[in-house]
Amino acid sequence: MVALARDPPEALLVHATPILGQNRATIVAFALEHRLPSFTSSALMAHDGFLGSYAPDLVALWRRAADFVDRILRGGNPAEMPVEQPTKFEFVINLKAARAIGLDVPRHLLVLADEVIE
């Protein structure tokens, strides 16, 4: 963080890994202190203070996983089941974070968002 503070970036893109997730409060504080737009790949982290997120819909992923479990329990062969990629994504914008860094979010982005955190 010292190197980032010396030469801060123009924005942050934080992938939702366990280590970065554990340190999200520190990352959000850094972003707010330096007035940096911060995006993440986790809707949950957007609720913690990141400006926004674009990520697979976790509920939809778990439902698909349940379908695979059902097929396996009914005798399906996992090796014959196709690998699937997410098809549903969530776009979340945190207006509290936007206000804290002095950013006006364009109306067309708010309309596109699946969730807007006031």
C-alpha atoms as a PDB file:
ATOM      1  CA  MET A   1       0.000   0.000   0.000  1.00  0.00           C
ATOM      2  CA  VAL A   2       2.953   2.349   0.580  1.00  0.00           C
ATOM      3  CA  ALA A   3       3.962   2.133  -3.099  1.00  0.00           C
ATOM      4  CA  LEU A   4       0.367   2.799  -4.146  1.00  0.00           C
ATOM      5  CA  ALA A   5       0.149   5.785  -1.842  1.00  0.00           C
ATOM      6  CA  ARG A   6       3.340   7.246  -3.350  1.00  0.00           C
ATOM      7  CA  ASP A   7       2.113   6.858  -6.924  1.00  0.00           C
ATOM      8  CA  PRO A   8      -1.657   6.267  -6.753  1.00  0.00           C
ATOM      9  CA  PRO A   9      -3.418   4.788  -9.777  1.00  0.00           C
ATOM     10  CA  GLU A  10      -6.368   6.456 -11.501  1.00  0.00           C
ATOM     11  CA  ALA A  11      -8.751   3.651 -10.515  1.00  0.00           C
ATOM     12  CA  LEU A  12      -8.810   0.238  -8.845  1.00  0.00           C
ATOM     13  CA  LEU A  13     -10.085  -3.063 -10.197  1.00  0.00           C
ATOM     14  CA  VAL A  14     -10.074  -5.657  -7.422  1.00  0.00           C
ATOM     15  CA  HIS A  15     -10.782  -9.297  -8.158  1.00  0.00           C
ATOM     16  CA  ALA A  16     -12.720 -11.005  -5.374  1.00  0.00           C
ATOM     17  CA  THR A  17     -10.108 -13.415  -4.027  1.00  0.00           C
ATOM     18  CA  PRO A  18     -10.106 -14.605  -0.400  1.00  0.00           C
ATOM     19  CA  ILE A  19      -7.063 -12.490   0.517  1.00  0.00           C
ATOM     20  CA  LEU A  20      -8.361  -9.331  -1.118  1.00  0.00           C
ATOM     21  CA  GLY A  21     -11.808 -10.016   0.309  1.00  0.00           C
ATOM     22  CA  GLN A  22     -10.367 -10.187   3.811  1.00  0.00           C
ATOM     23  CA  ASN A  23      -8.660  -6.837   3.242  1.00  0.00           C
ATOM     24  CA  ARG A  24     -11.585  -5.120   1.540  1.00  0.00           C
ATOM     25  CA  ALA A  25     -12.051  -2.531   4.302  1.00  0.00           C
ATOM     26  CA  THR A  26      -8.430  -1.416   3.897  1.00  0.00           C
ATOM     27  CA  ILE A  27      -8.784  -1.288   0.107  1.00  0.00           C
ATOM     28  CA  VAL A  28     -12.031   0.710   0.327  1.00  0.00           C
ATOM     29  CA  ALA A  29     -10.444   3.136   2.805  1.00  0.00           C
ATOM     30  CA  PHE A  30      -7.475   3.609   0.463  1.00  0.00           C
ATOM     31  CA  ALA A  31      -9.778   4.205  -2.514  1.00  0.00           C
ATOM     32  CA  LEU A  32     -11.849   6.752  -0.604  1.00  0.00           C
ATOM     33  CA  GLU A  33      -8.795   8.542   0.779  1.00  0.00           C
ATOM     34  CA  HIS A  34      -7.330   8.914  -2.725  1.00  0.00           C
ATOM     35  CA  ARG A  35     -10.730   9.506  -4.375  1.00  0.00           C
ATOM     36  CA  LEU A  36     -10.305   6.502  -6.661  1.00  0.00           C
ATOM     37  CA  PRO A  37     -13.138   4.787  -8.492  1.00  0.00           C
ATOM     38  CA  SER A  38     -12.988   1.142  -7.387  1.00  0.00           C
ATOM     39  CA  PHE A  39     -14.651  -1.795  -9.090  1.00  0.00           C
ATOM     40  CA  THR A  40     -14.731  -5.420  -8.080  1.00  0.00           C
ATOM     41  CA  SER A  41     -15.942  -8.797  -9.277  1.00  0.00           C
ATOM     42  CA  SER A  42     -18.193  -9.286  -6.258  1.00  0.00           C
ATOM     43  CA  ALA A  43     -21.594  -7.735  -5.631  1.00  0.00           C
ATOM     44  CA  LEU A  44     -21.036  -8.344  -1.912  1.00  0.00           C
ATOM     45  CA  MET A  45     -17.878  -6.227  -1.973  1.00  0.00           C
ATOM     46  CA  ALA A  46     -19.789  -3.420  -3.705  1.00  0.00           C
ATOM     47  CA  HIS A  47     -22.014  -3.353  -0.619  1.00  0.00           C
ATOM     48  CA  ASP A  48     -18.872  -2.902   1.486  1.00  0.00           C
ATOM     49  CA  GLY A  49     -17.943   0.380  -0.194  1.00  0.00           C
ATOM     50  CA  PHE A  50     -16.548  -0.287  -3.660  1.00  0.00           C
ATOM     51  CA  LEU A  51     -17.984   2.000  -6.340  1.00  0.00           C
ATOM     52  CA  GLY A  52     -19.426  -0.945  -8.206  1.00  0.00           C
ATOM     53  CA  SER A  53     -19.194  -4.488  -9.424  1.00  0.00           C
ATOM     54  CA  TYR A  54     -19.872  -6.609 -12.444  1.00  0.00           C
ATOM     55  CA  ALA A  55     -19.960 -10.270 -11.572  1.00  0.00           C
ATOM     56  CA  PRO A  56     -21.730 -13.557 -12.195  1.00  0.00           C
ATOM     57  CA  ASP A  57     -25.041 -13.892 -10.346  1.00  0.00           C
ATOM     58  CA  LEU A  58     -24.112 -16.206  -7.465  1.00  0.00           C
ATOM     59  CA  VAL A  59     -27.693 -17.372  -6.905  1.00  0.00           C
ATOM     60  CA  ALA A  60     -27.920 -18.469 -10.541  1.00  0.00           C
ATOM     61  CA  LEU A  61     -24.570 -20.293 -10.231  1.00  0.00           C
ATOM     62  CA  TRP A  62     -25.696 -22.185  -7.139  1.00  0.00           C
ATOM     63  CA  ARG A  63     -28.945 -23.173  -8.863  1.00  0.00           C
ATOM     64  CA  ARG A  64     -26.971 -24.571 -11.809  1.00  0.00           C
ATOM     65  CA  ALA A  65     -24.714 -26.429  -9.371  1.00  0.00           C
ATOM     66  CA  ALA A  66     -27.808 -27.981  -7.761  1.00  0.00           C
ATOM     67  CA  ASP A  67     -28.909 -29.207 -11.200  1.00  0.00           C
ATOM     68  CA  PHE A  68     -25.552 -30.939 -11.651  1.00  0.00           C
ATOM     69  CA  VAL A  69     -25.748 -32.529  -8.188  1.00  0.00           C
ATOM     70  CA  ASP A  70     -29.229 -33.791  -9.026  1.00  0.00           C
ATOM     71  CA  ARG A  71     -28.024 -35.322 -12.291  1.00  0.00           C
ATOM     72  CA  ILE A  72     -25.073 -37.013 -10.563  1.00  0.00           C
ATOM     73  CA  LEU A  73     -27.258 -38.390  -7.761  1.00  0.00           C
ATOM     74  CA  ARG A  74     -29.577 -39.832 -10.412  1.00  0.00           C
ATOM     75  CA  GLY A  75     -26.648 -41.754 -11.901  1.00  0.00           C
ATOM     76  CA  GLY A  76     -25.261 -39.254 -14.393  1.00  0.00           C
ATOM     77  CA  ASN A  77     -21.597 -39.445 -15.248  1.00  0.00           C
ATOM     78  CA  PRO A  78     -19.830 -36.185 -14.294  1.00  0.00           C
ATOM     79  CA  ALA A  79     -17.226 -36.759 -17.031  1.00  0.00           C
ATOM     80  CA  GLU A  80     -19.969 -36.582 -19.644  1.00  0.00           C
ATOM     81  CA  MET A  81     -21.481 -33.341 -18.340  1.00  0.00           C
ATOM     82  CA  PRO A  82     -20.509 -30.144 -20.144  1.00  0.00           C
ATOM     83  CA  VAL A  83     -18.548 -27.411 -18.463  1.00  0.00           C
ATOM     84  CA  GLU A  84     -20.707 -24.290 -18.296  1.00  0.00           C
ATOM     85  CA  GLN A  85     -19.849 -20.638 -18.062  1.00  0.00           C
ATOM     86  CA  PRO A  86     -22.016 -18.113 -16.228  1.00  0.00           C
ATOM     87  CA  THR A  87     -24.773 -16.663 -18.360  1.00  0.00           C
ATOM     88  CA  LYS A  88     -26.264 -14.175 -15.920  1.00  0.00           C
ATOM     89  CA  PHE A  89     -24.276 -11.258 -14.527  1.00  0.00           C
ATOM     90  CA  GLU A  90     -25.112  -8.537 -12.003  1.00  0.00           C
ATOM     91  CA  PHE A  91     -24.101  -4.889 -12.376  1.00  0.00           C
ATOM     92  CA  VAL A  92     -24.129  -3.054  -9.027  1.00  0.00           C
ATOM     93  CA  ILE A  93     -23.416   0.643  -8.457  1.00  0.00           C
ATOM     94  CA  ASN A  94     -22.787   2.081  -4.996  1.00  0.00           C
ATOM     95  CA  LEU A  95     -23.941   5.726  -5.009  1.00  0.00           C
ATOM     96  CA  LYS A  96     -22.660   6.260  -1.451  1.00  0.00           C
ATOM     97  CA  ALA A  97     -19.145   5.462  -2.679  1.00  0.00           C
ATOM     98  CA  ALA A  98     -19.640   7.678  -5.737  1.00  0.00           C
ATOM     99  CA  ARG A  99     -20.634  10.627  -3.558  1.00  0.00           C
ATOM    100  CA  ALA A 100     -17.697  10.003  -1.209  1.00  0.00           C
ATOM    101  CA  ILE A 101     -15.203  10.401  -4.075  1.00  0.00           C
ATOM    102  CA  GLY A 102     -17.113  13.245  -5.745  1.00  0.00           C
ATOM    103  CA  LEU A 103     -18.204  11.264  -8.792  1.00  0.00           C
ATOM    104  CA  ASP A 104     -21.474  11.839 -10.626  1.00  0.00           C
ATOM    105  CA  VAL A 105     -22.694   8.544 -12.070  1.00  0.00           C
ATOM    106  CA  PRO A 106     -24.374   9.072 -15.456  1.00  0.00           C
ATOM    107  CA  ARG A 107     -28.098   8.325 -15.448  1.00  0.00           C
ATOM    108  CA  HIS A 108     -27.787   5.772 -18.262  1.00  0.00           C
ATOM    109  CA  LEU A 109     -25.474   3.656 -16.065  1.00  0.00           C
ATOM    110  CA  LEU A 110     -27.929   3.798 -13.186  1.00  0.00           C
ATOM    111  CA  VAL A 111     -30.683   2.581 -15.527  1.00  0.00           C
ATOM    112  CA  LEU A 112     -28.496  -0.332 -16.684  1.00  0.00           C
ATOM    113  CA  ALA A 113     -27.593  -1.386 -13.133  1.00  0.00           C
ATOM    114  CA  ASP A 114     -29.262  -4.431 -11.616  1.00  0.00           C
ATOM    115  CA  GLU A 115     -28.882  -2.822  -8.188  1.00  0.00           C
ATOM    116  CA  VAL A 116     -28.146   0.723  -7.045  1.00  0.00           C
ATOM    117  CA  ILE A 117     -26.966   1.143  -3.465  1.00  0.00           C
ATOM    118  CA  GLU A 118     -28.185   4.485  -2.111  1.00  0.00           C
END
